[in-house]
Amino acid sequence: MENLLDRIKKIEALISGASTEGEKNAAVTAKERILKKYPELEIHRNPVEYRLSTNSEWNKKLLLAICRKYGVKPYRYHRQKYTTVMVNVNEEFLTKVLWKEYQEYSELLNGLVEEITNDLISKIHTHEDEAIINGNLES
């Protein structure tokens, strides 16, 4: 399954980077053949509603982008937290494709945010450890 997902990612890269309409059509056809050959990757076969939670606005945007990439229509019920995403997909697609890709990109995104934050903070002021104050302060 790992190899299959890598092949799909490469085909998607070909689709997005195609310089001619013929290249793009060939890549789209290749992707369709793979999805027909492996029906467990079919998004809407026996769909179940899933509630996915993210820990930040950035991660939610990432999850929404991945959902839309695969044609999944994310939604949210009234009064649900902003970081909640609802989807209707089959379990195999969710676990083997959608959530797995989200976790990979999320790890990359969090690493980049941390790197940018540390760089910005070092430009503002040199890093010093927090001072620990004893809880027994006298008045």
N, C-alpha and C. Protein backbone atom coordinates (compact mmCIF):
# COMPACT_ATOMS: atom_id res chain seq x y z
N MET A 1 0.84 -1.19 0.00
CA MET A 1 0.00 0.00 0.00
C MET A 1 0.88 1.25 0.00
N GLU A 2 2.00 1.18 0.69
CA GLU A 2 2.94 2.30 0.78
C GLU A 2 3.41 2.70 -0.62
N ASN A 3 3.80 1.70 -1.41
CA ASN A 3 4.28 1.94 -2.77
C ASN A 3 3.18 2.54 -3.64
N LEU A 4 1.97 2.08 -3.44
CA LEU A 4 0.83 2.58 -4.20
C LEU A 4 0.59 4.06 -3.92
N LEU A 5 0.65 4.45 -2.67
CA LEU A 5 0.45 5.85 -2.32
C LEU A 5 1.56 6.72 -2.89
N ASP A 6 2.78 6.20 -2.91
CA ASP A 6 3.88 6.95 -3.53
C ASP A 6 3.64 7.14 -5.02
N ARG A 7 3.12 6.09 -5.68
CA ARG A 7 2.81 6.20 -7.10
C ARG A 7 1.73 7.25 -7.35
N ILE A 8 0.71 7.26 -6.51
CA ILE A 8 -0.36 8.25 -6.67
C ILE A 8 0.19 9.66 -6.47
N LYS A 9 1.05 9.85 -5.47
CA LYS A 9 1.64 11.17 -5.23
C LYS A 9 2.47 11.63 -6.43
N LYS A 10 3.23 10.69 -7.03
CA LYS A 10 4.03 11.04 -8.20
C LYS A 10 3.15 11.41 -9.38
N ILE A 11 2.06 10.68 -9.55
CA ILE A 11 1.12 10.99 -10.63
C ILE A 11 0.50 12.36 -10.40
N GLU A 12 0.13 12.67 -9.16
CA GLU A 12 -0.45 13.98 -8.85
C GLU A 12 0.56 15.09 -9.12
N ALA A 13 1.83 14.82 -8.85
CA ALA A 13 2.86 15.81 -9.16
C ALA A 13 2.96 16.02 -10.66
N LEU A 14 2.82 14.93 -11.42
CA LEU A 14 2.82 15.06 -12.87
C LEU A 14 1.62 15.87 -13.36
N ILE A 15 0.47 15.64 -12.74
CA ILE A 15 -0.74 16.38 -13.13
C ILE A 15 -0.55 17.86 -12.89
N SER A 16 -0.06 18.22 -11.71
CA SER A 16 0.08 19.64 -11.38
C SER A 16 1.23 20.30 -12.14
N GLY A 17 2.24 19.53 -12.54
CA GLY A 17 3.38 20.11 -13.21
C GLY A 17 3.40 19.90 -14.72
N ALA A 18 2.30 19.37 -15.26
CA ALA A 18 2.25 19.08 -16.70
C ALA A 18 2.37 20.37 -17.51
N SER A 19 3.22 20.31 -18.53
CA SER A 19 3.41 21.51 -19.36
C SER A 19 2.47 21.53 -20.55
N THR A 20 1.92 20.36 -20.90
CA THR A 20 0.95 20.31 -22.01
C THR A 20 -0.32 19.62 -21.55
N GLU A 21 -1.37 19.85 -22.30
CA GLU A 21 -2.66 19.22 -21.97
C GLU A 21 -2.58 17.70 -22.13
N GLY A 22 -1.78 17.23 -23.10
CA GLY A 22 -1.63 15.79 -23.32
C GLY A 22 -0.97 15.10 -22.13
N GLU A 23 0.08 15.73 -21.57
CA GLU A 23 0.75 15.17 -20.38
C GLU A 23 -0.22 15.09 -19.21
N LYS A 24 -1.00 16.16 -19.04
CA LYS A 24 -1.95 16.20 -17.93
C LYS A 24 -3.00 15.11 -18.10
N ASN A 25 -3.54 14.95 -19.30
CA ASN A 25 -4.56 13.93 -19.55
C ASN A 25 -4.01 12.53 -19.32
N ALA A 26 -2.78 12.28 -19.73
CA ALA A 26 -2.15 10.98 -19.52
C ALA A 26 -1.99 10.68 -18.03
N ALA A 27 -1.59 11.67 -17.26
CA ALA A 27 -1.42 11.48 -15.82
C ALA A 27 -2.76 11.26 -15.13
N VAL A 28 -3.79 12.00 -15.53
CA VAL A 28 -5.13 11.83 -14.96
C VAL A 28 -5.64 10.43 -15.27
N THR A 29 -5.43 9.96 -16.49
CA THR A 29 -5.86 8.61 -16.87
C THR A 29 -5.13 7.55 -16.05
N ALA A 30 -3.83 7.75 -15.82
CA ALA A 30 -3.05 6.80 -15.00
C ALA A 30 -3.60 6.75 -13.58
N LYS A 31 -3.94 7.90 -13.02
CA LYS A 31 -4.50 7.94 -11.67
C LYS A 31 -5.84 7.22 -11.62
N GLU A 32 -6.67 7.43 -12.62
CA GLU A 32 -7.98 6.76 -12.68
C GLU A 32 -7.82 5.25 -12.77
N ARG A 33 -6.84 4.77 -13.55
CA ARG A 33 -6.59 3.33 -13.66
C ARG A 33 -6.20 2.74 -12.31
N ILE A 34 -5.36 3.44 -11.57
CA ILE A 34 -4.93 2.94 -10.26
C ILE A 34 -6.13 2.88 -9.31
N LEU A 35 -6.94 3.93 -9.31
CA LEU A 35 -8.09 3.96 -8.41
C LEU A 35 -9.11 2.88 -8.77
N LYS A 36 -9.25 2.54 -10.05
CA LYS A 36 -10.14 1.45 -10.45
C LYS A 36 -9.58 0.10 -10.03
N LYS A 37 -8.27 -0.04 -10.12
CA LYS A 37 -7.61 -1.30 -9.77
C LYS A 37 -7.66 -1.58 -8.27
N TYR A 38 -7.65 -0.51 -7.47
CA TYR A 38 -7.67 -0.64 -6.02
C TYR A 38 -8.93 0.03 -5.47
N PRO A 39 -10.05 -0.68 -5.47
CA PRO A 39 -11.32 -0.05 -5.06
C PRO A 39 -11.35 0.38 -3.60
N GLU A 40 -10.44 -0.14 -2.77
CA GLU A 40 -10.43 0.29 -1.37
C GLU A 40 -10.04 1.76 -1.24
N LEU A 41 -9.44 2.30 -2.30
CA LEU A 41 -9.10 3.72 -2.28
C LEU A 41 -10.28 4.58 -2.71
N GLU A 42 -11.36 3.95 -3.13
CA GLU A 42 -12.54 4.70 -3.54
C GLU A 42 -13.10 5.43 -2.32
N ILE A 43 -13.26 6.71 -2.46
CA ILE A 43 -13.60 7.57 -1.33
C ILE A 43 -14.99 7.31 -0.77
N HIS A 44 -15.96 7.21 -1.65
CA HIS A 44 -17.36 7.20 -1.20
C HIS A 44 -18.00 5.82 -1.15
N ARG A 45 -17.22 4.74 -1.17
CA ARG A 45 -17.77 3.40 -1.04
C ARG A 45 -18.03 3.15 0.45
N ASN A 46 -19.27 2.88 0.81
CA ASN A 46 -19.68 2.68 2.21
C ASN A 46 -19.21 3.81 3.10
N PRO A 47 -19.63 5.04 2.83
CA PRO A 47 -19.12 6.17 3.62
C PRO A 47 -19.66 6.19 5.04
N VAL A 48 -18.84 6.69 5.92
CA VAL A 48 -19.19 6.88 7.33
C VAL A 48 -18.81 8.31 7.68
N GLU A 49 -19.59 8.95 8.53
CA GLU A 49 -19.26 10.31 8.95
C GLU A 49 -18.19 10.26 10.04
N TYR A 50 -17.12 11.01 9.82
CA TYR A 50 -16.03 11.08 10.79
C TYR A 50 -15.84 12.51 11.25
N ARG A 51 -15.52 12.66 12.52
CA ARG A 51 -15.21 13.95 13.11
C ARG A 51 -13.71 13.99 13.34
N LEU A 52 -13.02 14.88 12.64
CA LEU A 52 -11.57 15.01 12.76
C LEU A 52 -11.26 16.32 13.48
N SER A 53 -10.34 16.26 14.40
CA SER A 53 -9.97 17.47 15.15
C SER A 53 -8.51 17.80 14.89
N THR A 54 -8.25 19.07 14.73
CA THR A 54 -6.88 19.54 14.54
C THR A 54 -6.53 20.43 15.72
N ASN A 55 -5.23 20.69 15.89
CA ASN A 55 -4.82 21.46 17.06
C ASN A 55 -4.52 22.92 16.76
N SER A 56 -4.71 23.34 15.50
CA SER A 56 -4.47 24.75 15.18
C SER A 56 -5.19 25.11 13.89
N GLU A 57 -5.28 26.39 13.65
CA GLU A 57 -5.91 26.87 12.42
C GLU A 57 -5.09 26.44 11.20
N TRP A 58 -3.76 26.43 11.34
CA TRP A 58 -2.90 26.02 10.23
C TRP A 58 -3.11 24.57 9.88
N ASN A 59 -3.21 23.71 10.90
CA ASN A 59 -3.42 22.30 10.65
C ASN A 59 -4.79 22.05 10.03
N LYS A 60 -5.77 22.85 10.42
CA LYS A 60 -7.10 22.70 9.83
C LYS A 60 -7.04 23.06 8.35
N LYS A 61 -6.36 24.14 8.01
CA LYS A 61 -6.23 24.53 6.60
C LYS A 61 -5.54 23.43 5.80
N LEU A 62 -4.54 22.81 6.40
CA LEU A 62 -3.83 21.71 5.76
C LEU A 62 -4.79 20.54 5.52
N LEU A 63 -5.56 20.16 6.54
CA LEU A 63 -6.50 19.06 6.41
C LEU A 63 -7.56 19.35 5.35
N LEU A 64 -8.06 20.59 5.31
CA LEU A 64 -9.05 20.96 4.30
C LEU A 64 -8.46 20.84 2.90
N ALA A 65 -7.22 21.26 2.73
CA ALA A 65 -6.57 21.19 1.42
C ALA A 65 -6.43 19.73 0.96
N ILE A 66 -6.05 18.86 1.88
CA ILE A 66 -5.89 17.44 1.53
C ILE A 66 -7.25 16.83 1.20
N CYS A 67 -8.28 17.17 1.96
CA CYS A 67 -9.62 16.67 1.66
C CYS A 67 -10.04 17.08 0.26
N ARG A 68 -9.88 18.34 -0.04
CA ARG A 68 -10.31 18.86 -1.35
C ARG A 68 -9.48 18.27 -2.49
N LYS A 69 -8.22 17.97 -2.21
CA LYS A 69 -7.35 17.34 -3.21
C LYS A 69 -7.95 16.03 -3.69
N TYR A 70 -8.57 15.27 -2.77
CA TYR A 70 -9.15 13.98 -3.10
C TYR A 70 -10.65 14.06 -3.41
N GLY A 71 -11.21 15.25 -3.46
CA GLY A 71 -12.62 15.38 -3.78
C GLY A 71 -13.55 15.15 -2.60
N VAL A 72 -13.00 15.15 -1.39
CA VAL A 72 -13.81 15.00 -0.18
C VAL A 72 -14.33 16.39 0.20
N LYS A 73 -15.61 16.49 0.50
CA LYS A 73 -16.19 17.78 0.86
C LYS A 73 -16.28 17.90 2.38
N PRO A 74 -15.35 18.63 2.99
CA PRO A 74 -15.37 18.80 4.44
C PRO A 74 -16.46 19.77 4.85
N TYR A 75 -16.96 19.61 6.06
CA TYR A 75 -17.99 20.51 6.58
C TYR A 75 -17.88 20.54 8.09
N ARG A 76 -18.69 21.40 8.70
CA ARG A 76 -18.69 21.55 10.15
C ARG A 76 -20.11 21.89 10.56
N TYR A 77 -20.58 21.31 11.63
CA TYR A 77 -21.91 21.61 12.15
C TYR A 77 -21.88 22.92 12.94
N HIS A 78 -23.04 23.55 12.99
CA HIS A 78 -23.18 24.78 13.77
C HIS A 78 -22.74 24.53 15.22
N ARG A 79 -21.96 25.44 15.74
CA ARG A 79 -21.46 25.42 17.12
C ARG A 79 -20.33 24.42 17.37
N GLN A 80 -19.83 23.75 16.33
CA GLN A 80 -18.65 22.91 16.52
C GLN A 80 -17.43 23.82 16.56
N LYS A 81 -16.40 23.36 17.21
CA LYS A 81 -15.16 24.14 17.28
C LYS A 81 -14.64 24.41 15.88
N TYR A 82 -13.96 25.53 15.74
CA TYR A 82 -13.43 25.93 14.45
C TYR A 82 -12.42 24.91 13.91
N THR A 83 -11.73 24.23 14.80
CA THR A 83 -10.71 23.28 14.38
C THR A 83 -11.27 21.88 14.11
N THR A 84 -12.58 21.71 14.13
CA THR A 84 -13.22 20.43 13.84
C THR A 84 -13.57 20.36 12.37
N VAL A 85 -13.32 19.20 11.77
CA VAL A 85 -13.65 18.96 10.37
C VAL A 85 -14.44 17.66 10.29
N MET A 86 -15.59 17.71 9.63
CA MET A 86 -16.42 16.53 9.42
C MET A 86 -16.26 16.07 7.98
N VAL A 87 -16.17 14.75 7.77
CA VAL A 87 -16.06 14.19 6.42
C VAL A 87 -16.88 12.91 6.33
N ASN A 88 -17.34 12.60 5.13
CA ASN A 88 -18.03 11.35 4.84
C ASN A 88 -17.17 10.56 3.86
N VAL A 89 -16.45 9.56 4.36
CA VAL A 89 -15.57 8.73 3.54
C VAL A 89 -15.58 7.31 4.10
N ASN A 90 -15.02 6.37 3.32
CA ASN A 90 -14.91 5.03 3.88
C ASN A 90 -13.69 4.96 4.79
N GLU A 91 -13.74 4.04 5.72
CA GLU A 91 -12.71 3.96 6.76
C GLU A 91 -11.32 3.69 6.19
N GLU A 92 -11.26 2.81 5.20
CA GLU A 92 -9.96 2.46 4.63
C GLU A 92 -9.30 3.67 3.97
N PHE A 93 -10.09 4.44 3.24
CA PHE A 93 -9.54 5.63 2.60
C PHE A 93 -9.07 6.63 3.65
N LEU A 94 -9.87 6.79 4.70
CA LEU A 94 -9.51 7.74 5.76
C LEU A 94 -8.18 7.35 6.40
N THR A 95 -8.03 6.09 6.79
CA THR A 95 -6.83 5.68 7.53
C THR A 95 -5.61 5.50 6.64
N LYS A 96 -5.79 4.97 5.45
CA LYS A 96 -4.64 4.65 4.61
C LYS A 96 -4.18 5.79 3.71
N VAL A 97 -5.07 6.73 3.43
CA VAL A 97 -4.70 7.80 2.52
C VAL A 97 -4.81 9.16 3.19
N LEU A 98 -6.03 9.57 3.50
CA LEU A 98 -6.28 10.94 3.96
C LEU A 98 -5.56 11.27 5.26
N TRP A 99 -5.79 10.50 6.29
CA TRP A 99 -5.20 10.82 7.60
C TRP A 99 -3.69 10.62 7.59
N LYS A 100 -3.23 9.59 6.87
CA LYS A 100 -1.79 9.34 6.79
C LYS A 100 -1.08 10.51 6.12
N GLU A 101 -1.64 11.00 5.01
CA GLU A 101 -1.04 12.14 4.32
C GLU A 101 -1.10 13.40 5.19
N TYR A 102 -2.22 13.57 5.90
CA TYR A 102 -2.34 14.72 6.81
C TYR A 102 -1.25 14.68 7.87
N GLN A 103 -1.01 13.53 8.47
CA GLN A 103 0.00 13.42 9.52
C GLN A 103 1.41 13.72 8.98
N GLU A 104 1.70 13.25 7.78
CA GLU A 104 3.02 13.52 7.18
C GLU A 104 3.21 15.02 6.97
N TYR A 105 2.22 15.66 6.34
CA TYR A 105 2.33 17.09 6.07
C TYR A 105 2.26 17.91 7.36
N SER A 106 1.48 17.44 8.32
CA SER A 106 1.36 18.15 9.59
C SER A 106 2.70 18.18 10.33
N GLU A 107 3.38 17.06 10.31
CA GLU A 107 4.71 17.00 10.95
C GLU A 107 5.66 17.97 10.27
N LEU A 108 5.63 18.01 8.95
CA LEU A 108 6.46 18.93 8.19
C LEU A 108 6.09 20.38 8.51
N LEU A 109 4.80 20.68 8.53
CA LEU A 109 4.31 22.03 8.82
C LEU A 109 4.73 22.46 10.22
N ASN A 110 4.55 21.61 11.21
CA ASN A 110 4.92 21.96 12.59
C ASN A 110 6.42 22.20 12.72
N GLY A 111 7.23 21.41 12.01
CA GLY A 111 8.67 21.63 12.02
C GLY A 111 9.04 22.98 11.43
N LEU A 112 8.38 23.34 10.33
CA LEU A 112 8.65 24.63 9.69
C LEU A 112 8.21 25.79 10.59
N VAL A 113 7.05 25.66 11.22
CA VAL A 113 6.56 26.72 12.11
C VAL A 113 7.53 26.90 13.28
N GLU A 114 8.00 25.80 13.84
CA GLU A 114 8.94 25.88 14.96
C GLU A 114 10.24 26.54 14.52
N GLU A 115 10.73 26.17 13.35
CA GLU A 115 11.97 26.75 12.83
C GLU A 115 11.81 28.26 12.60
N ILE A 116 10.71 28.66 12.02
CA ILE A 116 10.46 30.08 11.76
C ILE A 116 10.31 30.84 13.08
N THR A 117 9.60 30.25 14.03
CA THR A 117 9.40 30.90 15.33
C THR A 117 10.73 31.09 16.05
N ASN A 118 11.54 30.05 16.09
CA ASN A 118 12.85 30.15 16.76
C ASN A 118 13.74 31.19 16.09
N ASP A 119 13.70 31.24 14.76
CA ASP A 119 14.49 32.23 14.02
C ASP A 119 14.02 33.65 14.35
N LEU A 120 12.72 33.84 14.37
CA LEU A 120 12.16 35.16 14.69
C LEU A 120 12.51 35.59 16.10
N ILE A 121 12.37 34.68 17.05
CA ILE A 121 12.68 34.99 18.44
C ILE A 121 14.16 35.32 18.60
N SER A 122 15.03 34.59 17.91
CA SER A 122 16.47 34.87 18.03
C SER A 122 16.81 36.24 17.45
N LYS A 123 16.03 36.71 16.48
CA LYS A 123 16.26 38.05 15.93
C LYS A 123 15.75 39.14 16.86
N ILE A 124 14.75 38.82 17.66
CA ILE A 124 14.19 39.78 18.61
C ILE A 124 15.10 39.91 19.82
N HIS A 125 15.50 38.77 20.37
CA HIS A 125 16.32 38.78 21.57
C HIS A 125 16.96 37.41 21.71
N THR A 126 18.16 37.36 22.33
CA THR A 126 18.82 36.08 22.51
C THR A 126 18.02 35.22 23.48
N HIS A 127 18.05 33.94 23.24
CA HIS A 127 17.29 32.99 24.04
C HIS A 127 17.93 32.81 25.42
N GLU A 128 17.11 32.91 26.44
CA GLU A 128 17.56 32.63 27.80
C GLU A 128 16.52 31.72 28.43
N ASP A 129 16.98 30.82 29.29
CA ASP A 129 16.04 29.96 29.99
C ASP A 129 15.21 30.78 30.96
N GLU A 130 14.00 30.30 31.20
CA GLU A 130 13.13 31.00 32.16
C GLU A 130 13.72 30.88 33.56
N ALA A 131 13.57 31.94 34.32
CA ALA A 131 14.00 31.90 35.71
C ALA A 131 12.94 31.17 36.53
N ILE A 132 13.39 30.27 37.38
CA ILE A 132 12.46 29.54 38.24
C ILE A 132 12.50 30.20 39.61
N ILE A 133 11.35 30.62 40.06
CA ILE A 133 11.26 31.29 41.35
C ILE A 133 10.67 30.33 42.35
N ASN A 134 11.27 30.31 43.53
CA ASN A 134 10.78 29.45 44.61
C ASN A 134 9.39 29.91 45.01
N GLY A 135 8.48 28.99 45.20
CA GLY A 135 7.10 29.30 45.54
C GLY A 135 6.93 29.87 46.95
N ASN A 136 7.96 29.84 47.78
CA ASN A 136 7.86 30.32 49.16
C ASN A 136 8.35 31.77 49.24
N LEU A 137 7.57 32.67 48.69
CA LEU A 137 7.95 34.08 48.76
C LEU A 137 7.44 34.67 50.06
N GLU A 138 8.29 35.48 50.70
CA GLU A 138 7.87 36.13 51.94
C GLU A 138 7.36 37.51 51.63
N SER A 139 6.35 37.94 52.37
CA SER A 139 5.75 39.25 52.14
C SER A 139 6.58 40.35 52.73
